[in-house]
């Protein structure tokens, strides 16, 4: 006789209640469900390029599989790829980087997670941009540290205010998160901003996580990194990768650059969590960095043209106003004059207008009064989205 087992209640660790989410994927699921019902939905919610991975990168990955690159690599990444990344960062940031200071990881998020896991403890404070990438706040809470939001203000063009940063720093501040170009607002730190941030931190024993995943997608000016300033090389963990620049979101490949002793600890975390990044993906990553960059330039030019047209269109919609983002591929319009709360408005645009976007509150408490649209879609679809949102506004506002 088969024994009868009694179902038991799932008893999750308390830390799971502190873990947040990324609303873009939830909204995508809702949009897909509406499409399954026959609805026409324009997807402006998910933050990934709509371009194909460059053909030379695809060919390198496929060729690597045929050549047997289907097995484990060292946890911190293939030596050849670490050398390639070190040379690239040395060139772009103007500071010497060695392969031992590079850790290859599956995407951008592991560098965030490993930074918090390795450096932050309960009782520590972490200053981070708000609105900002939601995983920052989620993982700060998960580690048991105290999240300290730094408001990205529209009147400052959504750039971090060094004076406000200075006011938030205490003797419990362990880590500061920077993100430029910035998700969700598209703001870009100037050279003076970076110098002022360095001055605000001073010589305190504080590390900085610099998320630079959109650094190749800048429309005006150039990218500036705190890591490039004299004396800051060992105090910065720089996050970058292939997802945005090379339209390789599904390849899951990123990297962190940091001081050698911390990189060794990241390697240990990789051993425990992922073993290693996929070997054939790493080969493709080398080709992406070493090969022809015309696809990157073309993608940036197309995003630039889309930005100009989409922002102009938003500013013609009743109740909407939008500053010009200088990087990434997002629009972050102010919708306070609509009189609608951000989440309610985003839901209405999805369900009634067939346009999927995100509430500003998906990026933190200071995102109320804003929406985020991804312009990673065709010009034709962006035009149609503007028509739908405009028609909805005329009818409902």
Protein backbone atom coordinates (compact mmCIF):
# COMPACT_ATOMS: atom_id res chain seq x y z
CA UNK A 1 0.00 0.00 0.00
CA UNK A 2 1.35 3.38 -1.03
CA UNK A 3 1.84 5.64 1.99
CA UNK A 4 -0.12 8.89 1.98
CA UNK A 5 2.00 12.00 2.36
CA UNK A 6 0.64 15.20 3.77
CA UNK A 7 1.49 18.34 1.78
CA UNK A 8 3.65 20.67 3.79
CA UNK A 9 3.65 24.44 3.72
CA UNK A 10 6.52 26.01 1.80
CA UNK A 11 8.63 27.80 4.38
CA UNK A 12 10.77 30.29 2.53
CA UNK A 13 13.72 32.00 4.13
CA UNK A 14 12.77 35.45 5.41
CA UNK A 15 15.18 37.08 2.97
CA UNK A 16 12.95 36.03 0.05
CA UNK A 17 10.31 38.52 1.20
CA UNK A 18 12.86 41.27 0.67
CA UNK A 19 13.54 40.35 -2.95
CA UNK A 20 11.99 42.60 -5.56
CA UNK A 21 11.44 42.09 -9.27
CA UNK A 22 11.85 43.73 -12.67
CA UNK A 23 8.45 44.98 -13.78
CA UNK A 24 9.39 44.99 -17.45
CA UNK A 25 9.13 41.21 -17.57
CA UNK A 26 5.78 41.23 -15.76
CA UNK A 27 4.40 43.80 -18.19
CA UNK A 28 5.75 41.79 -21.11
CA UNK A 29 3.84 38.74 -19.87
CA UNK A 30 0.61 40.77 -19.60
CA UNK A 31 1.14 42.16 -23.09
CA UNK A 32 1.75 38.68 -24.50
CA UNK A 33 -1.47 37.47 -22.87
CA UNK A 34 -3.41 40.28 -24.57
CA UNK A 35 -1.81 39.37 -27.90
CA UNK A 36 -2.91 35.78 -27.39
CA UNK A 37 -6.47 37.14 -27.21
CA UNK A 38 -6.00 38.77 -30.61
CA UNK A 39 -5.09 42.27 -29.42
CA UNK A 40 -2.53 44.40 -31.25
CA UNK A 41 0.17 45.47 -28.78
CA UNK A 42 3.19 47.68 -29.44
CA UNK A 43 6.00 46.63 -27.13
CA UNK A 44 7.81 49.59 -25.60
CA UNK A 45 8.29 47.97 -22.20
CA UNK A 46 11.31 45.71 -22.46
CA UNK A 47 14.83 47.14 -22.41
CA UNK A 48 16.63 45.27 -25.14
CA UNK A 49 17.76 46.27 -28.65
CA UNK A 50 15.41 45.14 -31.40
CA UNK A 51 18.37 44.57 -33.71
CA UNK A 52 19.87 41.18 -34.52
CA UNK A 53 23.22 40.20 -33.07
CA UNK A 54 25.87 41.15 -35.68
CA UNK A 55 26.42 38.35 -38.20
CA UNK A 56 30.16 38.09 -37.53
CA UNK A 57 29.44 37.53 -33.84
CA UNK A 58 26.83 34.86 -34.59
CA UNK A 59 29.22 33.10 -36.94
CA UNK A 60 31.97 33.17 -34.31
CA UNK A 61 29.64 31.61 -31.76
CA UNK A 62 28.41 28.88 -34.10
CA UNK A 63 31.96 28.14 -35.24
CA UNK A 64 33.05 27.88 -31.61
CA UNK A 65 30.39 25.26 -30.94
CA UNK A 66 31.56 23.22 -33.93
CA UNK A 67 35.14 23.50 -32.69
CA UNK A 68 34.24 22.06 -29.32
CA UNK A 69 33.84 25.16 -27.16
CA UNK A 70 31.03 23.48 -25.24
CA UNK A 71 32.77 22.69 -21.96
CA UNK A 72 33.74 24.46 -18.76
CA UNK A 73 36.12 27.39 -18.74
CA UNK A 74 37.89 28.92 -15.74
CA UNK A 75 35.26 30.45 -13.45
CA UNK A 76 36.46 34.01 -14.01
CA UNK A 77 36.42 33.55 -17.78
CA UNK A 78 38.65 32.39 -20.61
CA UNK A 79 42.12 33.97 -20.35
CA UNK A 80 41.92 35.20 -23.96
CA UNK A 81 38.62 37.00 -23.33
CA UNK A 82 39.87 38.54 -20.07
CA UNK A 83 42.90 39.82 -21.98
CA UNK A 84 40.66 41.23 -24.71
CA UNK A 85 38.42 43.01 -22.20
CA UNK A 86 41.41 44.36 -20.28
CA UNK A 87 42.86 45.82 -23.47
CA UNK A 88 39.49 47.33 -24.45
CA UNK A 89 38.91 48.97 -21.05
CA UNK A 90 42.49 50.24 -20.97
CA UNK A 91 41.84 51.91 -24.34
CA UNK A 92 38.42 53.36 -23.52
CA UNK A 93 39.06 54.46 -19.93
CA UNK A 94 42.67 55.53 -20.18
CA UNK A 95 43.82 53.51 -17.17
CA UNK A 96 45.86 50.31 -17.19
CA UNK A 97 43.78 47.17 -16.65
CA UNK A 98 45.18 43.66 -16.40
CA UNK A 99 43.35 40.39 -17.20
CA UNK A 100 43.49 39.48 -13.49
CA UNK A 101 41.24 42.49 -12.81
CA UNK A 102 38.51 41.26 -15.18
CA UNK A 103 35.79 38.73 -14.30
CA UNK A 104 33.52 37.37 -17.05
CA UNK A 105 29.96 36.73 -15.89
CA UNK A 106 26.66 35.67 -17.52
CA UNK A 107 25.10 39.09 -18.10
CA UNK A 108 25.14 42.37 -16.20
CA UNK A 109 23.23 41.40 -13.06
CA UNK A 110 25.84 39.01 -11.59
CA UNK A 111 28.27 41.91 -11.19
CA UNK A 112 25.62 43.76 -9.18
CA UNK A 113 24.81 40.70 -7.08
CA UNK A 114 28.43 39.78 -6.48
CA UNK A 115 29.31 43.35 -5.49
CA UNK A 116 26.60 43.48 -2.85
CA UNK A 117 27.31 39.94 -1.67
CA UNK A 118 31.05 40.48 -1.35
CA UNK A 119 31.06 43.97 0.15
CA UNK A 120 27.78 44.77 1.91
CA UNK A 121 26.56 43.51 5.28
CA UNK A 122 23.50 44.09 7.46
CA UNK A 123 23.58 47.58 8.89
CA UNK A 124 25.59 49.00 6.00
CA UNK A 125 24.07 51.72 3.83
CA UNK A 126 24.08 51.72 0.04
CA UNK A 127 23.33 54.90 -1.89
CA UNK A 128 21.72 54.29 -5.29
CA UNK A 129 19.90 56.30 -8.00
CA UNK A 130 16.11 56.55 -7.75
CA UNK A 131 14.41 56.30 -10.14
CA UNK A 132 16.88 53.68 -11.23
CA UNK A 133 17.35 50.10 -12.33
CA UNK A 134 15.09 48.20 -9.88
CA UNK A 135 17.56 45.40 -9.22
CA UNK A 136 19.77 47.79 -7.24
CA UNK A 137 17.15 48.33 -4.55
CA UNK A 138 15.99 44.72 -4.68
CA UNK A 139 19.43 43.30 -3.98
CA UNK A 140 20.30 45.92 -1.36
CA UNK A 141 17.22 44.81 0.56
CA UNK A 142 18.03 41.15 -0.07
CA UNK A 143 21.45 41.49 1.54
CA UNK A 144 19.89 43.10 4.61
CA UNK A 145 21.62 46.43 4.03
CA UNK A 146 19.81 49.76 4.17
CA UNK A 147 18.89 51.28 0.79
CA UNK A 148 19.47 55.04 0.62
CA UNK A 149 17.79 56.47 -2.50
CA UNK A 150 19.34 59.45 -4.25
CA UNK A 151 16.67 61.24 -6.25
CA UNK A 152 17.31 61.81 -9.93
CA UNK A 153 15.60 65.16 -10.49
CA UNK A 154 14.13 66.34 -13.78
CA UNK A 155 15.30 69.91 -13.20
CA UNK A 156 18.86 68.53 -13.02
CA UNK A 157 18.26 66.75 -16.35
CA UNK A 158 18.03 63.56 -14.26
CA UNK A 159 21.76 63.68 -13.52
CA UNK A 160 23.01 62.81 -10.06
CA UNK A 161 23.43 65.88 -7.84
CA UNK A 162 26.84 65.68 -6.09
CA UNK A 163 25.66 68.01 -3.31
CA UNK A 164 22.72 65.76 -2.49
CA UNK A 165 25.05 62.77 -2.63
CA UNK A 166 27.35 64.41 -0.10
CA UNK A 167 24.40 65.01 2.23
CA UNK A 168 23.45 61.31 2.15
CA UNK A 169 26.88 59.92 2.97
CA UNK A 170 27.28 58.77 6.58
CA UNK A 171 29.80 56.70 8.51
CA UNK A 172 27.63 53.67 7.62
CA UNK A 173 27.85 54.22 3.85
CA UNK A 174 29.61 51.19 2.39
CA UNK A 175 28.82 51.46 -1.31
CA UNK A 176 27.54 53.99 -3.85
CA UNK A 177 25.92 52.95 -7.14
CA UNK A 178 26.36 55.10 -10.25
CA UNK A 179 24.67 54.48 -13.60
CA UNK A 180 25.52 56.50 -16.71
CA UNK A 181 23.99 56.49 -19.24
CA UNK A 182 21.08 56.06 -16.89
CA UNK A 183 18.16 53.66 -16.98
CA UNK A 184 15.31 54.74 -17.05
CA UNK A 185 15.90 58.43 -17.83
CA UNK A 186 18.70 58.36 -20.41
CA UNK A 187 20.72 60.98 -18.51
CA UNK A 188 24.49 61.08 -18.96
CA UNK A 189 27.01 62.31 -16.39
CA UNK A 190 29.30 65.09 -17.57
CA UNK A 191 33.02 65.21 -16.90
CA UNK A 192 32.42 67.86 -14.24
CA UNK A 193 29.70 65.70 -12.65
CA UNK A 194 32.16 62.84 -12.26
CA UNK A 195 34.79 65.13 -10.72
CA UNK A 196 32.21 66.58 -8.32
CA UNK A 197 31.06 63.08 -7.32
CA UNK A 198 34.66 62.15 -6.55
CA UNK A 199 35.02 65.30 -4.43
CA UNK A 200 31.77 64.52 -2.59
CA UNK A 201 33.03 61.06 -1.61
CA UNK A 202 36.52 62.28 -0.83
CA UNK A 203 38.90 59.87 0.84
CA UNK A 204 36.23 57.97 2.77
CA UNK A 205 36.48 54.18 2.74
CA UNK A 206 33.61 53.75 0.28
CA UNK A 207 33.51 51.61 -2.85
CA UNK A 208 31.59 52.59 -5.99
CA UNK A 209 29.71 50.31 -8.38
CA UNK A 210 29.73 52.07 -11.76
CA UNK A 211 27.12 50.55 -14.08
CA UNK A 212 28.26 51.49 -17.59
CA UNK A 213 26.27 48.97 -19.63
CA UNK A 214 24.98 51.71 -21.99
CA UNK A 215 28.34 53.48 -22.42
CA UNK A 216 28.47 52.93 -26.20
CA UNK A 217 24.96 54.33 -26.68
CA UNK A 218 25.51 58.07 -26.18
CA UNK A 219 24.04 60.64 -28.58
CA UNK A 220 25.77 63.83 -27.45
CA UNK A 221 29.16 64.23 -25.83
CA UNK A 222 31.16 61.25 -24.59
CA UNK A 223 31.20 58.76 -21.76
CA UNK A 224 32.92 59.68 -18.49
CA UNK A 225 33.78 57.14 -15.81
CA UNK A 226 34.85 57.64 -12.21
CA UNK A 227 37.32 54.81 -12.76
CA UNK A 228 39.31 57.06 -15.10
CA UNK A 229 40.06 59.69 -12.46
CA UNK A 230 43.48 59.58 -10.76
CA UNK A 231 43.36 57.60 -7.52
CA UNK A 232 40.01 55.95 -8.20
CA UNK A 233 41.07 52.85 -10.11
CA UNK A 234 40.97 50.56 -7.03
CA UNK A 235 37.82 52.04 -5.53
CA UNK A 236 35.52 51.37 -8.48
CA UNK A 237 33.84 48.18 -9.67
CA UNK A 238 32.98 48.83 -13.32
CA UNK A 239 30.08 46.90 -14.84
CA UNK A 240 29.72 46.45 -18.59
CA UNK A 241 28.88 43.75 -21.09
CA UNK A 242 27.65 42.82 -24.52
CA UNK A 243 23.85 42.81 -24.09
CA UNK A 244 23.04 46.38 -25.13
CA UNK A 245 25.99 47.34 -27.33
CA UNK A 246 25.93 44.22 -29.49
CA UNK A 247 22.26 43.22 -29.17
CA UNK A 248 23.30 40.08 -27.29
CA UNK A 249 20.79 40.02 -24.42
CA UNK A 250 20.08 36.31 -24.86
CA UNK A 251 23.75 35.35 -25.02
CA UNK A 252 24.13 36.23 -21.33
CA UNK A 253 27.61 37.74 -21.28
CA UNK A 254 28.98 40.58 -19.20
CA UNK A 255 32.01 41.55 -17.18
CA UNK A 256 33.19 43.38 -14.09
CA UNK A 257 36.48 45.25 -13.80
CA UNK A 258 37.88 45.77 -10.31
CA UNK A 259 40.99 45.55 -8.15
CA UNK A 260 42.78 42.22 -8.36
CA UNK A 261 42.04 41.04 -4.82
CA UNK A 262 38.31 41.68 -5.24
CA UNK A 263 38.32 40.00 -8.67
CA UNK A 264 39.62 36.84 -6.98
CA UNK A 265 36.60 36.91 -4.67
CA UNK A 266 34.26 37.39 -7.63
CA UNK A 267 35.88 34.33 -9.17
CA UNK A 268 35.02 32.36 -6.03
CA UNK A 269 31.43 33.54 -6.25
CA UNK A 270 31.28 32.48 -9.90
CA UNK A 271 32.51 29.02 -8.91
CA UNK A 272 29.73 28.74 -6.34
CA UNK A 273 26.90 30.24 -8.36
CA UNK A 274 27.48 29.72 -12.09
CA UNK A 275 30.67 27.63 -12.47
CA UNK A 276 31.45 29.75 -15.54
CA UNK A 277 29.90 31.63 -18.43
CA UNK A 278 29.16 29.63 -21.59
CA UNK A 279 32.39 28.98 -23.48
CA UNK A 280 31.07 29.53 -27.03
CA UNK A 281 29.42 32.76 -25.87
CA UNK A 282 32.79 33.95 -24.62
CA UNK A 283 34.34 33.25 -28.02
CA UNK A 284 31.57 35.27 -29.64
CA UNK A 285 32.27 38.06 -27.15
CA UNK A 286 35.88 38.24 -28.29
CA UNK A 287 34.78 38.63 -31.89
CA UNK A 288 32.33 41.36 -30.89
CA UNK A 289 35.09 43.44 -29.31
CA UNK A 290 37.77 42.76 -31.92
CA UNK A 291 35.63 42.69 -35.06
CA UNK A 292 34.02 45.37 -37.20
CA UNK A 293 32.10 47.94 -35.13
CA UNK A 294 29.89 49.25 -37.93
CA UNK A 295 26.83 47.45 -36.53
CA UNK A 296 27.27 49.29 -33.21
CA UNK A 297 27.58 52.64 -34.95
CA UNK A 298 24.53 51.91 -37.12
CA UNK A 299 22.44 50.89 -34.11
CA UNK A 300 23.39 54.05 -32.22
CA UNK A 301 22.52 56.21 -35.23
CA UNK A 302 19.12 54.56 -35.55
CA UNK A 303 18.41 54.96 -31.84
CA UNK A 304 19.42 58.61 -32.18
CA UNK A 305 16.93 59.18 -35.01
CA UNK A 306 14.20 57.34 -33.15
CA UNK A 307 14.89 59.36 -30.02
CA UNK A 308 14.54 62.66 -31.83
CA UNK A 309 11.26 61.72 -33.46
CA UNK A 310 9.70 59.96 -30.47
CA UNK A 311 10.51 62.70 -27.96
CA UNK A 312 9.11 65.34 -30.31
CA UNK A 313 5.97 63.24 -30.65
CA UNK A 314 5.55 62.79 -26.91
CA UNK A 315 5.80 66.53 -26.38
CA UNK A 316 2.81 67.00 -28.69
CA UNK A 317 0.58 64.70 -26.61
CA UNK A 318 -1.81 66.27 -24.14
CA UNK A 319 -0.52 65.99 -20.57
CA UNK A 320 2.92 64.72 -21.59
CA UNK A 321 6.28 66.50 -21.52
CA UNK A 322 9.67 64.87 -22.03
CA UNK A 323 13.27 66.01 -21.73
CA UNK A 324 15.72 64.86 -24.35
CA UNK A 325 17.65 61.79 -23.13
CA UNK A 326 21.34 61.84 -24.09
CA UNK A 327 22.02 58.10 -23.95
CA UNK A 328 20.59 54.56 -23.76
CA UNK A 329 17.29 53.92 -25.57
CA UNK A 330 14.54 55.16 -23.26
CA UNK A 331 12.11 58.05 -23.02
CA UNK A 332 11.00 59.12 -19.54
CA UNK A 333 8.13 61.60 -19.96
CA UNK A 334 6.60 63.62 -17.17
CA UNK A 335 2.87 62.78 -17.06
CA UNK A 336 1.86 64.73 -13.94
CA UNK A 337 -0.38 67.04 -15.94
CA UNK A 338 -2.53 64.06 -16.97
CA UNK A 339 -3.77 63.83 -13.39
CA UNK A 340 -3.26 60.07 -13.46
CA UNK A 341 -1.02 58.05 -11.16
CA UNK A 342 1.83 56.50 -13.15
CA UNK A 343 0.89 52.85 -12.62
CA UNK A 344 -2.77 53.43 -13.43
CA UNK A 345 -1.82 55.34 -16.57
CA UNK A 346 0.58 52.63 -17.76
CA UNK A 347 -2.12 50.00 -17.25
CA UNK A 348 -4.65 52.07 -19.18
CA UNK A 349 -2.30 52.58 -22.11
CA UNK A 350 -1.69 48.83 -22.27
CA UNK A 351 -5.29 47.71 -21.89
CA UNK A 352 -7.04 50.50 -23.80
CA UNK A 353 -4.47 51.84 -26.27
CA UNK A 354 -2.43 48.70 -26.91
CA UNK A 355 0.88 50.31 -25.97
CA UNK A 356 3.05 48.51 -23.42
CA UNK A 357 5.19 50.83 -21.30
CA UNK A 358 6.28 50.97 -17.67
CA UNK A 359 5.20 53.10 -14.75
CA UNK A 360 7.93 55.33 -13.41
CA UNK A 361 7.32 53.71 -10.02
CA UNK A 362 8.71 50.46 -11.43
CA UNK A 363 12.06 52.24 -10.96
CA UNK A 364 11.48 53.49 -7.43
CA UNK A 365 9.41 55.87 -5.36
CA UNK A 366 10.73 58.97 -7.11
CA UNK A 367 9.46 57.66 -10.44
CA UNK A 368 5.90 58.65 -9.62
CA UNK A 369 4.61 61.09 -12.21
CA UNK A 370 6.60 59.53 -15.05
CA UNK A 371 6.43 56.69 -17.57
CA UNK A 372 9.23 54.82 -19.32
CA UNK A 373 9.04 53.95 -23.00
CA UNK A 374 11.72 51.87 -24.67
CA UNK A 375 12.45 53.13 -28.18
CA UNK A 376 13.91 49.75 -29.11
CA UNK A 377 11.29 49.21 -31.79
CA UNK A 378 10.89 50.18 -35.42
CA UNK A 379 10.20 53.77 -36.44
CA UNK A 380 6.88 52.55 -37.88
CA UNK A 381 5.82 51.04 -34.56
CA UNK A 382 7.00 54.09 -32.63
CA UNK A 383 4.88 56.30 -34.89
CA UNK A 384 1.87 54.04 -34.32
CA UNK A 385 2.47 54.08 -30.56
CA UNK A 386 2.46 57.88 -30.57
CA UNK A 387 -0.82 57.91 -32.50
CA UNK A 388 -2.42 55.47 -30.06
CA UNK A 389 -1.24 57.30 -26.95
CA UNK A 390 -2.23 60.65 -28.44
CA UNK A 391 -5.71 59.38 -29.34
CA UNK A 392 -6.14 57.91 -25.86
CA UNK A 393 -5.09 61.20 -24.26
CA UNK A 394 -7.53 63.23 -26.36
CA UNK A 395 -10.34 60.90 -25.34
CA UNK A 396 -9.55 60.53 -21.64
CA UNK A 397 -7.83 63.72 -20.49
